[in-house]
Amino acid sequence: MKYVVFLLMSLVLLPASATELPKPPVTVEYISPEKFTDVSSIDHGPPNSSYLDQLSKHVMKKAATYLSQGEQLTISITDIDMAGGFEPWRTPGNDIRMIRHIYPPRIELAYQLYDAGGELLKEGKERLINLNYQLNMLPASTDTMRHEKALMDDWLAKLFADGQAVKK
């Protein structure tokens, strides 16, 4: 009990700047995911938060490898249409996603890249799509978001093609 009181008193006495956690180098946010075209595990279902968590963790980890010390990247995802589609006339139930060429993965986003001093290096809006996603050599995987992760990986590689983003 004494330890808890001491800890609380210590936190109250610390300056506000000392208690603030450092901002992560990459931030991924979803803008109105309930309006996304398709990021669910059932036909016309609500957004699957597990899918969104998987994608954001993957993007944050991958994007951080491209950033220089102190740089910040903010990605605001405004729509996702996952690879594949639900074809209820082919399956008993509405929970089997059929992967076909007519259902490519698509992601719409906006981004801002800042240098260590907070100056804007690059920003923009992108509509990512890979019509040939089935031709990608992805390892055999049961990862539901593998095509969307590959789409984001390709975009990040293009954004940082010369080692870092170039100022516009």
N, C-alpha and C. Protein backbone atom coordinates (compact mmCIF):
# COMPACT_ATOMS: atom_id res chain seq x y z
N MET A 1 0.81 -1.19 0.00
CA MET A 1 0.00 0.00 0.00
C MET A 1 0.86 1.26 0.00
N LYS A 2 1.95 1.26 0.80
CA LYS A 2 2.84 2.41 0.85
C LYS A 2 3.48 2.65 -0.51
N TYR A 3 3.80 1.55 -1.23
CA TYR A 3 4.42 1.66 -2.54
C TYR A 3 3.50 2.35 -3.53
N VAL A 4 2.21 2.01 -3.51
CA VAL A 4 1.23 2.60 -4.42
C VAL A 4 1.11 4.09 -4.15
N VAL A 5 1.05 4.48 -2.87
CA VAL A 5 0.94 5.90 -2.52
C VAL A 5 2.19 6.64 -2.96
N PHE A 6 3.37 6.05 -2.74
CA PHE A 6 4.61 6.67 -3.16
C PHE A 6 4.65 6.84 -4.67
N LEU A 7 4.23 5.82 -5.41
CA LEU A 7 4.22 5.88 -6.87
C LEU A 7 3.27 6.97 -7.35
N LEU A 8 2.10 7.05 -6.76
CA LEU A 8 1.14 8.09 -7.15
C LEU A 8 1.68 9.48 -6.84
N MET A 9 2.28 9.65 -5.70
CA MET A 9 2.86 10.95 -5.34
C MET A 9 4.00 11.31 -6.28
N SER A 10 4.79 10.33 -6.66
CA SER A 10 5.90 10.57 -7.58
C SER A 10 5.38 11.06 -8.93
N LEU A 11 4.31 10.45 -9.38
CA LEU A 11 3.74 10.85 -10.67
C LEU A 11 3.15 12.25 -10.61
N VAL A 12 2.55 12.61 -9.48
CA VAL A 12 1.96 13.94 -9.33
C VAL A 12 3.05 15.00 -9.31
N LEU A 13 4.18 14.69 -8.70
CA LEU A 13 5.25 15.66 -8.55
C LEU A 13 6.13 15.80 -9.79
N LEU A 14 6.08 14.82 -10.70
CA LEU A 14 6.88 14.90 -11.92
C LEU A 14 6.33 15.96 -12.85
N PRO A 15 7.20 16.66 -13.56
CA PRO A 15 6.69 17.61 -14.56
C PRO A 15 5.95 16.86 -15.67
N ALA A 16 5.03 17.54 -16.31
CA ALA A 16 4.20 16.91 -17.35
C ALA A 16 5.05 16.33 -18.47
N SER A 17 6.12 17.01 -18.85
CA SER A 17 6.95 16.52 -19.96
C SER A 17 7.65 15.22 -19.61
N ALA A 18 7.93 14.99 -18.33
CA ALA A 18 8.61 13.76 -17.93
C ALA A 18 7.67 12.55 -17.98
N THR A 19 6.37 12.77 -17.85
CA THR A 19 5.43 11.66 -17.86
C THR A 19 4.91 11.34 -19.26
N GLU A 20 5.17 12.21 -20.23
CA GLU A 20 4.71 11.96 -21.59
C GLU A 20 5.58 10.89 -22.24
N LEU A 21 4.93 9.97 -22.89
CA LEU A 21 5.66 8.94 -23.60
C LEU A 21 6.11 9.49 -24.95
N PRO A 22 7.27 9.05 -25.44
CA PRO A 22 7.70 9.52 -26.75
C PRO A 22 6.76 9.00 -27.83
N LYS A 23 6.55 9.83 -28.84
CA LYS A 23 5.67 9.46 -29.94
C LYS A 23 6.36 8.41 -30.80
N PRO A 24 5.64 7.34 -31.18
CA PRO A 24 6.27 6.33 -32.03
C PRO A 24 6.60 6.92 -33.40
N PRO A 25 7.61 6.36 -34.07
CA PRO A 25 8.01 6.92 -35.37
C PRO A 25 6.94 6.76 -36.46
N VAL A 26 6.08 5.75 -36.32
CA VAL A 26 5.04 5.51 -37.32
C VAL A 26 3.69 5.43 -36.63
N THR A 27 2.74 6.17 -37.15
CA THR A 27 1.38 6.13 -36.63
C THR A 27 0.45 5.72 -37.77
N VAL A 28 -0.40 4.74 -37.50
CA VAL A 28 -1.41 4.30 -38.46
C VAL A 28 -2.77 4.52 -37.82
N GLU A 29 -3.62 5.27 -38.52
CA GLU A 29 -4.96 5.49 -38.01
C GLU A 29 -5.97 5.13 -39.08
N TYR A 30 -7.13 4.68 -38.62
CA TYR A 30 -8.21 4.31 -39.53
C TYR A 30 -9.31 5.35 -39.41
N ILE A 31 -9.66 5.96 -40.52
CA ILE A 31 -10.70 6.99 -40.55
C ILE A 31 -12.02 6.32 -40.92
N SER A 32 -12.96 6.31 -40.00
CA SER A 32 -14.30 5.73 -40.18
C SER A 32 -14.25 4.30 -40.73
N PRO A 33 -13.62 3.37 -40.01
CA PRO A 33 -13.52 2.00 -40.53
C PRO A 33 -14.87 1.32 -40.76
N GLU A 34 -15.89 1.79 -40.08
CA GLU A 34 -17.22 1.21 -40.29
C GLU A 34 -17.75 1.49 -41.69
N LYS A 35 -17.13 2.44 -42.39
CA LYS A 35 -17.54 2.77 -43.77
C LYS A 35 -16.62 2.14 -44.82
N PHE A 36 -15.62 1.38 -44.39
CA PHE A 36 -14.70 0.75 -45.33
C PHE A 36 -15.48 -0.20 -46.24
N THR A 37 -15.00 -0.32 -47.47
CA THR A 37 -15.66 -1.18 -48.45
C THR A 37 -15.75 -2.62 -47.97
N ASP A 38 -14.62 -3.18 -47.51
CA ASP A 38 -14.62 -4.57 -47.09
C ASP A 38 -13.38 -4.87 -46.24
N VAL A 39 -13.60 -4.98 -44.95
CA VAL A 39 -12.53 -5.42 -44.05
C VAL A 39 -13.18 -6.24 -42.93
N SER A 40 -13.94 -7.23 -43.38
CA SER A 40 -14.69 -8.04 -42.41
C SER A 40 -14.45 -9.51 -42.67
N SER A 41 -14.88 -10.31 -41.72
CA SER A 41 -14.70 -11.75 -41.86
C SER A 41 -15.98 -12.45 -42.32
N ILE A 42 -17.05 -11.67 -42.46
CA ILE A 42 -18.30 -12.21 -43.02
C ILE A 42 -18.86 -11.20 -44.01
N ASP A 43 -19.66 -11.68 -44.92
CA ASP A 43 -20.25 -10.81 -45.94
C ASP A 43 -21.09 -9.71 -45.28
N HIS A 44 -20.80 -8.48 -45.63
CA HIS A 44 -21.51 -7.30 -45.12
C HIS A 44 -21.42 -7.18 -43.60
N GLY A 45 -20.37 -7.72 -43.02
CA GLY A 45 -20.20 -7.65 -41.57
C GLY A 45 -19.47 -6.39 -41.16
N PRO A 46 -19.39 -6.15 -39.86
CA PRO A 46 -18.67 -4.99 -39.35
C PRO A 46 -17.16 -5.18 -39.55
N PRO A 47 -16.40 -4.09 -39.48
CA PRO A 47 -14.94 -4.22 -39.63
C PRO A 47 -14.38 -5.17 -38.57
N ASN A 48 -13.48 -6.02 -38.98
CA ASN A 48 -12.84 -6.95 -38.06
C ASN A 48 -11.64 -6.24 -37.44
N SER A 49 -11.74 -5.91 -36.16
CA SER A 49 -10.68 -5.15 -35.49
C SER A 49 -9.37 -5.94 -35.46
N SER A 50 -9.44 -7.25 -35.44
CA SER A 50 -8.23 -8.07 -35.48
C SER A 50 -7.49 -7.86 -36.79
N TYR A 51 -8.21 -7.79 -37.90
CA TYR A 51 -7.58 -7.53 -39.19
C TYR A 51 -6.91 -6.16 -39.20
N LEU A 52 -7.59 -5.15 -38.67
CA LEU A 52 -7.03 -3.80 -38.63
C LEU A 52 -5.80 -3.75 -37.74
N ASP A 53 -5.83 -4.44 -36.62
CA ASP A 53 -4.67 -4.48 -35.72
C ASP A 53 -3.48 -5.15 -36.41
N GLN A 54 -3.74 -6.26 -37.09
CA GLN A 54 -2.67 -6.97 -37.81
C GLN A 54 -2.01 -6.06 -38.84
N LEU A 55 -2.84 -5.37 -39.60
CA LEU A 55 -2.32 -4.51 -40.66
C LEU A 55 -1.53 -3.34 -40.07
N SER A 56 -2.06 -2.69 -39.05
CA SER A 56 -1.35 -1.54 -38.49
C SER A 56 -0.03 -1.96 -37.85
N LYS A 57 0.01 -3.06 -37.14
CA LYS A 57 1.27 -3.54 -36.54
C LYS A 57 2.30 -3.85 -37.62
N HIS A 58 1.86 -4.49 -38.68
CA HIS A 58 2.76 -4.82 -39.77
C HIS A 58 3.32 -3.55 -40.43
N VAL A 59 2.45 -2.61 -40.73
CA VAL A 59 2.87 -1.38 -41.40
C VAL A 59 3.80 -0.57 -40.49
N MET A 60 3.48 -0.48 -39.21
CA MET A 60 4.32 0.28 -38.29
C MET A 60 5.73 -0.32 -38.22
N LYS A 61 5.81 -1.64 -38.16
CA LYS A 61 7.11 -2.31 -38.08
C LYS A 61 7.90 -2.13 -39.38
N LYS A 62 7.23 -2.33 -40.50
CA LYS A 62 7.90 -2.24 -41.80
C LYS A 62 8.33 -0.80 -42.11
N ALA A 63 7.45 0.16 -41.89
CA ALA A 63 7.76 1.56 -42.20
C ALA A 63 8.91 2.08 -41.33
N ALA A 64 8.98 1.63 -40.09
CA ALA A 64 10.04 2.09 -39.18
C ALA A 64 11.42 1.75 -39.72
N THR A 65 11.53 0.68 -40.51
CA THR A 65 12.83 0.30 -41.06
C THR A 65 13.33 1.29 -42.11
N TYR A 66 12.45 2.07 -42.68
CA TYR A 66 12.83 3.05 -43.70
C TYR A 66 13.17 4.42 -43.12
N LEU A 67 12.71 4.70 -41.92
CA LEU A 67 12.86 6.04 -41.36
C LEU A 67 14.24 6.28 -40.76
N SER A 68 14.72 7.51 -40.90
CA SER A 68 15.94 7.93 -40.24
C SER A 68 15.60 8.31 -38.81
N GLN A 69 16.62 8.44 -37.98
CA GLN A 69 16.42 8.80 -36.58
C GLN A 69 15.61 10.10 -36.47
N GLY A 70 14.53 10.05 -35.71
CA GLY A 70 13.71 11.23 -35.44
C GLY A 70 12.61 11.50 -36.45
N GLU A 71 12.63 10.85 -37.59
CA GLU A 71 11.57 11.07 -38.58
C GLU A 71 10.26 10.47 -38.09
N GLN A 72 9.16 11.07 -38.51
CA GLN A 72 7.82 10.62 -38.13
C GLN A 72 6.99 10.43 -39.39
N LEU A 73 6.26 9.32 -39.45
CA LEU A 73 5.36 9.04 -40.57
C LEU A 73 3.98 8.78 -40.01
N THR A 74 3.00 9.52 -40.52
CA THR A 74 1.61 9.33 -40.13
C THR A 74 0.85 8.84 -41.36
N ILE A 75 0.15 7.72 -41.20
CA ILE A 75 -0.64 7.15 -42.29
C ILE A 75 -2.09 7.10 -41.84
N SER A 76 -2.96 7.74 -42.60
CA SER A 76 -4.40 7.74 -42.31
C SER A 76 -5.09 6.93 -43.39
N ILE A 77 -5.57 5.75 -43.02
CA ILE A 77 -6.22 4.87 -43.99
C ILE A 77 -7.71 5.20 -44.02
N THR A 78 -8.20 5.53 -45.23
CA THR A 78 -9.58 5.96 -45.37
C THR A 78 -10.50 4.90 -45.98
N ASP A 79 -9.91 3.86 -46.59
CA ASP A 79 -10.73 2.76 -47.11
C ASP A 79 -9.87 1.54 -47.36
N ILE A 80 -10.46 0.39 -47.14
CA ILE A 80 -9.83 -0.89 -47.45
C ILE A 80 -10.87 -1.76 -48.14
N ASP A 81 -10.43 -2.38 -49.22
CA ASP A 81 -11.23 -3.41 -49.89
C ASP A 81 -10.30 -4.61 -49.98
N MET A 82 -10.52 -5.58 -49.13
CA MET A 82 -9.62 -6.73 -49.05
C MET A 82 -9.66 -7.56 -50.33
N ALA A 83 -8.55 -8.27 -50.55
CA ALA A 83 -8.49 -9.19 -51.68
C ALA A 83 -9.56 -10.25 -51.51
N GLY A 84 -10.16 -10.64 -52.62
CA GLY A 84 -11.19 -11.65 -52.56
C GLY A 84 -12.56 -11.05 -52.29
N GLY A 85 -13.54 -11.88 -52.35
CA GLY A 85 -14.90 -11.44 -52.10
C GLY A 85 -15.74 -12.61 -51.63
N PHE A 86 -16.85 -12.28 -51.05
CA PHE A 86 -17.78 -13.31 -50.58
C PHE A 86 -18.75 -13.65 -51.70
N GLU A 87 -18.88 -14.92 -52.00
CA GLU A 87 -19.79 -15.39 -53.03
C GLU A 87 -20.76 -16.37 -52.38
N PRO A 88 -21.81 -15.85 -51.77
CA PRO A 88 -22.71 -16.73 -51.02
C PRO A 88 -23.40 -17.78 -51.87
N TRP A 89 -23.49 -17.56 -53.17
CA TRP A 89 -24.13 -18.55 -54.02
C TRP A 89 -23.23 -19.78 -54.21
N ARG A 90 -21.94 -19.68 -53.87
CA ARG A 90 -21.01 -20.79 -54.02
C ARG A 90 -20.73 -21.52 -52.71
N THR A 91 -21.04 -20.90 -51.61
CA THR A 91 -20.67 -21.49 -50.32
C THR A 91 -21.88 -21.56 -49.40
N PRO A 92 -21.89 -22.54 -48.52
CA PRO A 92 -22.95 -22.59 -47.52
C PRO A 92 -22.64 -21.60 -46.40
N GLY A 93 -23.24 -20.44 -46.46
CA GLY A 93 -22.95 -19.40 -45.48
C GLY A 93 -22.23 -18.24 -46.16
N ASN A 94 -22.00 -17.21 -45.40
CA ASN A 94 -21.41 -16.00 -45.97
C ASN A 94 -20.04 -15.70 -45.38
N ASP A 95 -19.28 -16.72 -45.01
CA ASP A 95 -18.03 -16.45 -44.34
C ASP A 95 -16.80 -17.04 -45.02
N ILE A 96 -16.91 -17.34 -46.31
CA ILE A 96 -15.75 -17.84 -47.05
C ILE A 96 -15.40 -16.82 -48.14
N ARG A 97 -14.20 -16.28 -48.03
CA ARG A 97 -13.72 -15.28 -48.98
C ARG A 97 -13.07 -16.00 -50.17
N MET A 98 -13.60 -15.77 -51.35
CA MET A 98 -13.07 -16.38 -52.57
C MET A 98 -12.02 -15.44 -53.16
N ILE A 99 -10.81 -15.96 -53.36
CA ILE A 99 -9.73 -15.17 -53.92
C ILE A 99 -9.74 -15.36 -55.44
N ARG A 100 -10.10 -14.30 -56.14
CA ARG A 100 -10.16 -14.32 -57.61
C ARG A 100 -9.57 -13.02 -58.14
N HIS A 101 -9.18 -13.05 -59.40
CA HIS A 101 -8.56 -11.87 -60.02
C HIS A 101 -9.50 -10.66 -60.07
N ILE A 102 -10.79 -10.88 -60.02
CA ILE A 102 -11.73 -9.77 -60.10
C ILE A 102 -11.92 -9.05 -58.76
N TYR A 103 -11.28 -9.55 -57.71
CA TYR A 103 -11.38 -8.94 -56.38
C TYR A 103 -9.99 -8.54 -55.88
N PRO A 104 -9.32 -7.57 -56.51
CA PRO A 104 -7.97 -7.21 -56.07
C PRO A 104 -8.01 -6.41 -54.76
N PRO A 105 -6.91 -6.45 -54.00
CA PRO A 105 -6.86 -5.63 -52.79
C PRO A 105 -6.73 -4.15 -53.16
N ARG A 106 -7.37 -3.31 -52.35
CA ARG A 106 -7.33 -1.86 -52.61
C ARG A 106 -7.30 -1.15 -51.27
N ILE A 107 -6.42 -0.16 -51.16
CA ILE A 107 -6.32 0.65 -49.95
C ILE A 107 -6.19 2.11 -50.35
N GLU A 108 -6.97 2.96 -49.71
CA GLU A 108 -6.87 4.41 -49.92
C GLU A 108 -6.33 5.01 -48.64
N LEU A 109 -5.36 5.95 -48.80
CA LEU A 109 -4.73 6.53 -47.61
C LEU A 109 -4.20 7.92 -47.89
N ALA A 110 -3.90 8.62 -46.82
CA ALA A 110 -3.18 9.89 -46.87
C ALA A 110 -1.99 9.73 -45.92
N TYR A 111 -0.91 10.43 -46.20
CA TYR A 111 0.27 10.30 -45.35
C TYR A 111 1.00 11.63 -45.24
N GLN A 112 1.76 11.74 -44.15
CA GLN A 112 2.64 12.88 -43.93
C GLN A 112 3.94 12.33 -43.35
N LEU A 113 5.07 12.79 -43.90
CA LEU A 113 6.38 12.40 -43.41
C LEU A 113 7.09 13.66 -42.93
N TYR A 114 7.55 13.63 -41.67
CA TYR A 114 8.23 14.77 -41.05
C TYR A 114 9.66 14.39 -40.71
N ASP A 115 10.57 15.36 -40.82
CA ASP A 115 11.95 15.11 -40.41
C ASP A 115 12.06 15.25 -38.89
N ALA A 116 13.26 15.07 -38.37
CA ALA A 116 13.48 15.09 -36.92
C ALA A 116 13.13 16.44 -36.31
N GLY A 117 13.20 17.50 -37.09
CA GLY A 117 12.88 18.84 -36.59
C GLY A 117 11.41 19.20 -36.73
N GLY A 118 10.60 18.29 -37.25
CA GLY A 118 9.17 18.54 -37.40
C GLY A 118 8.79 19.18 -38.72
N GLU A 119 9.74 19.34 -39.64
CA GLU A 119 9.45 19.93 -40.94
C GLU A 119 8.86 18.87 -41.87
N LEU A 120 7.82 19.25 -42.59
CA LEU A 120 7.16 18.33 -43.51
C LEU A 120 8.08 18.04 -44.70
N LEU A 121 8.40 16.76 -44.87
CA LEU A 121 9.23 16.34 -46.00
C LEU A 121 8.38 15.97 -47.21
N LYS A 122 7.30 15.26 -46.94
CA LYS A 122 6.47 14.77 -48.04
C LYS A 122 5.09 14.44 -47.51
N GLU A 123 4.08 14.67 -48.33
CA GLU A 123 2.71 14.28 -47.99
C GLU A 123 1.97 13.95 -49.27
N GLY A 124 0.86 13.27 -49.11
CA GLY A 124 0.08 12.95 -50.29
C GLY A 124 -1.07 12.03 -49.97
N LYS A 125 -1.84 11.76 -51.00
CA LYS A 125 -2.94 10.80 -50.94
C LYS A 125 -2.65 9.74 -51.98
N GLU A 126 -2.96 8.51 -51.63
CA GLU A 126 -2.69 7.40 -52.55
C GLU A 126 -3.90 6.48 -52.61
N ARG A 127 -4.08 5.91 -53.79
CA ARG A 127 -5.06 4.84 -53.98
C ARG A 127 -4.27 3.64 -54.47
N LEU A 128 -4.04 2.70 -53.57
CA LEU A 128 -3.22 1.54 -53.88
C LEU A 128 -4.09 0.40 -54.38
N ILE A 129 -3.64 -0.24 -55.44
CA ILE A 129 -4.35 -1.40 -55.98
C ILE A 129 -3.34 -2.28 -56.69
N ASN A 130 -3.51 -3.58 -56.60
CA ASN A 130 -2.63 -4.50 -57.30
C ASN A 130 -3.51 -5.50 -58.06
N LEU A 131 -3.70 -5.23 -59.35
CA LEU A 131 -4.53 -6.10 -60.17
C LEU A 131 -3.91 -7.47 -60.38
N ASN A 132 -2.59 -7.57 -60.22
CA ASN A 132 -1.89 -8.83 -60.43
C ASN A 132 -1.50 -9.49 -59.11
N TYR A 133 -2.26 -9.25 -58.07
CA TYR A 133 -1.88 -9.73 -56.75
C TYR A 133 -1.74 -11.24 -56.67
N GLN A 134 -2.45 -11.97 -57.49
CA GLN A 134 -2.35 -13.43 -57.45
C GLN A 134 -1.05 -13.94 -58.06
N LEU A 135 -0.35 -13.10 -58.80
CA LEU A 135 0.92 -13.49 -59.40
C LEU A 135 2.11 -13.24 -58.48
N ASN A 136 1.88 -12.51 -57.38
CA ASN A 136 2.96 -12.26 -56.42
C ASN A 136 3.41 -13.57 -55.81
N MET A 137 4.70 -13.68 -55.63
CA MET A 137 5.26 -14.88 -55.01
C MET A 137 5.26 -14.71 -53.49
N LEU A 138 4.13 -14.95 -52.88
CA LEU A 138 4.02 -14.90 -51.43
C LEU A 138 4.16 -16.32 -50.90
N PRO A 139 4.86 -16.47 -49.78
CA PRO A 139 4.95 -17.83 -49.23
C PRO A 139 3.56 -18.34 -48.87
N ALA A 140 3.40 -19.65 -48.95
CA ALA A 140 2.11 -20.24 -48.57
C ALA A 140 1.79 -19.77 -47.16
N SER A 141 0.64 -19.17 -46.99
CA SER A 141 0.32 -18.56 -45.72
C SER A 141 -1.17 -18.62 -45.48
N THR A 142 -1.51 -18.66 -44.22
CA THR A 142 -2.91 -18.57 -43.84
C THR A 142 -3.23 -17.17 -43.32
N ASP A 143 -2.28 -16.24 -43.47
CA ASP A 143 -2.46 -14.86 -43.02
C ASP A 143 -3.56 -14.21 -43.86
N THR A 144 -4.65 -13.88 -43.23
CA THR A 144 -5.80 -13.31 -43.92
C THR A 144 -5.47 -11.98 -44.60
N MET A 145 -4.55 -11.22 -44.02
CA MET A 145 -4.21 -9.89 -44.55
C MET A 145 -2.94 -9.90 -45.41
N ARG A 146 -2.49 -11.05 -45.89
CA ARG A 146 -1.23 -11.12 -46.62
C ARG A 146 -1.20 -10.26 -47.88
N HIS A 147 -2.30 -10.17 -48.59
CA HIS A 147 -2.31 -9.38 -49.82
C HIS A 147 -2.31 -7.88 -49.52
N GLU A 148 -3.00 -7.48 -48.46
CA GLU A 148 -3.03 -6.07 -48.08
C GLU A 148 -1.67 -5.65 -47.50
N LYS A 149 -1.04 -6.54 -46.75
CA LYS A 149 0.30 -6.25 -46.22
C LYS A 149 1.30 -6.11 -47.36
N ALA A 150 1.22 -6.98 -48.36
CA ALA A 150 2.11 -6.90 -49.51
C ALA A 150 1.88 -5.59 -50.28
N LEU A 151 0.63 -5.18 -50.39
CA LEU A 151 0.30 -3.92 -51.06
C LEU A 151 0.94 -2.75 -50.34
N MET A 152 0.85 -2.74 -49.01
CA MET A 152 1.46 -1.67 -48.22
C MET A 152 2.98 -1.74 -48.28
N ASP A 153 3.55 -2.94 -48.28
CA ASP A 153 5.00 -3.09 -48.39
C ASP A 153 5.51 -2.51 -49.70
N ASP A 154 4.81 -2.79 -50.79
CA ASP A 154 5.20 -2.25 -52.10
C ASP A 154 5.13 -0.73 -52.11
N TRP A 155 4.09 -0.18 -51.51
CA TRP A 155 3.94 1.28 -51.46
C TRP A 155 5.06 1.91 -50.63
N LEU A 156 5.37 1.33 -49.49
CA LEU A 156 6.45 1.86 -48.65
C LEU A 156 7.78 1.81 -49.38
N ALA A 157 8.06 0.73 -50.08
CA ALA A 157 9.30 0.62 -50.84
C ALA A 157 9.37 1.70 -51.92
N LYS A 158 8.25 1.98 -52.55
CA LYS A 158 8.20 3.03 -53.58
C LYS A 158 8.37 4.41 -52.95
N LEU A 159 7.72 4.64 -51.81
CA LEU A 159 7.81 5.94 -51.13
C LEU A 159 9.24 6.24 -50.72
N PHE A 160 9.96 5.23 -50.28
CA PHE A 160 11.33 5.40 -49.80
C PHE A 160 12.34 4.82 -50.78
N ALA A 161 12.07 4.91 -52.07
CA ALA A 161 12.89 4.26 -53.10
C ALA A 161 14.37 4.66 -53.05
N ASP A 162 14.68 5.89 -52.72
CA ASP A 162 16.08 6.35 -52.70
C ASP A 162 16.67 6.33 -51.29
N GLY A 163 16.15 5.51 -50.43
CA GLY A 163 16.67 5.47 -49.08
C GLY A 163 15.89 6.35 -48.13
N GLN A 164 15.33 7.41 -48.61
CA GLN A 164 14.44 8.25 -47.82
C GLN A 164 13.57 9.05 -48.77
N ALA A 165 12.47 9.53 -48.28
CA ALA A 165 11.54 10.30 -49.12
C ALA A 165 12.19 11.63 -49.51
N VAL A 166 11.95 12.05 -50.72
CA VAL A 166 12.52 13.29 -51.22
C VAL A 166 11.53 14.41 -51.01
N LYS A 167 12.03 15.57 -50.62
CA LYS A 167 11.18 16.74 -50.39
C LYS A 167 10.54 17.18 -51.70
N LYS A 168 9.26 17.51 -51.66
CA LYS A 168 8.56 17.98 -52.85
C LYS A 168 8.89 19.42 -53.12
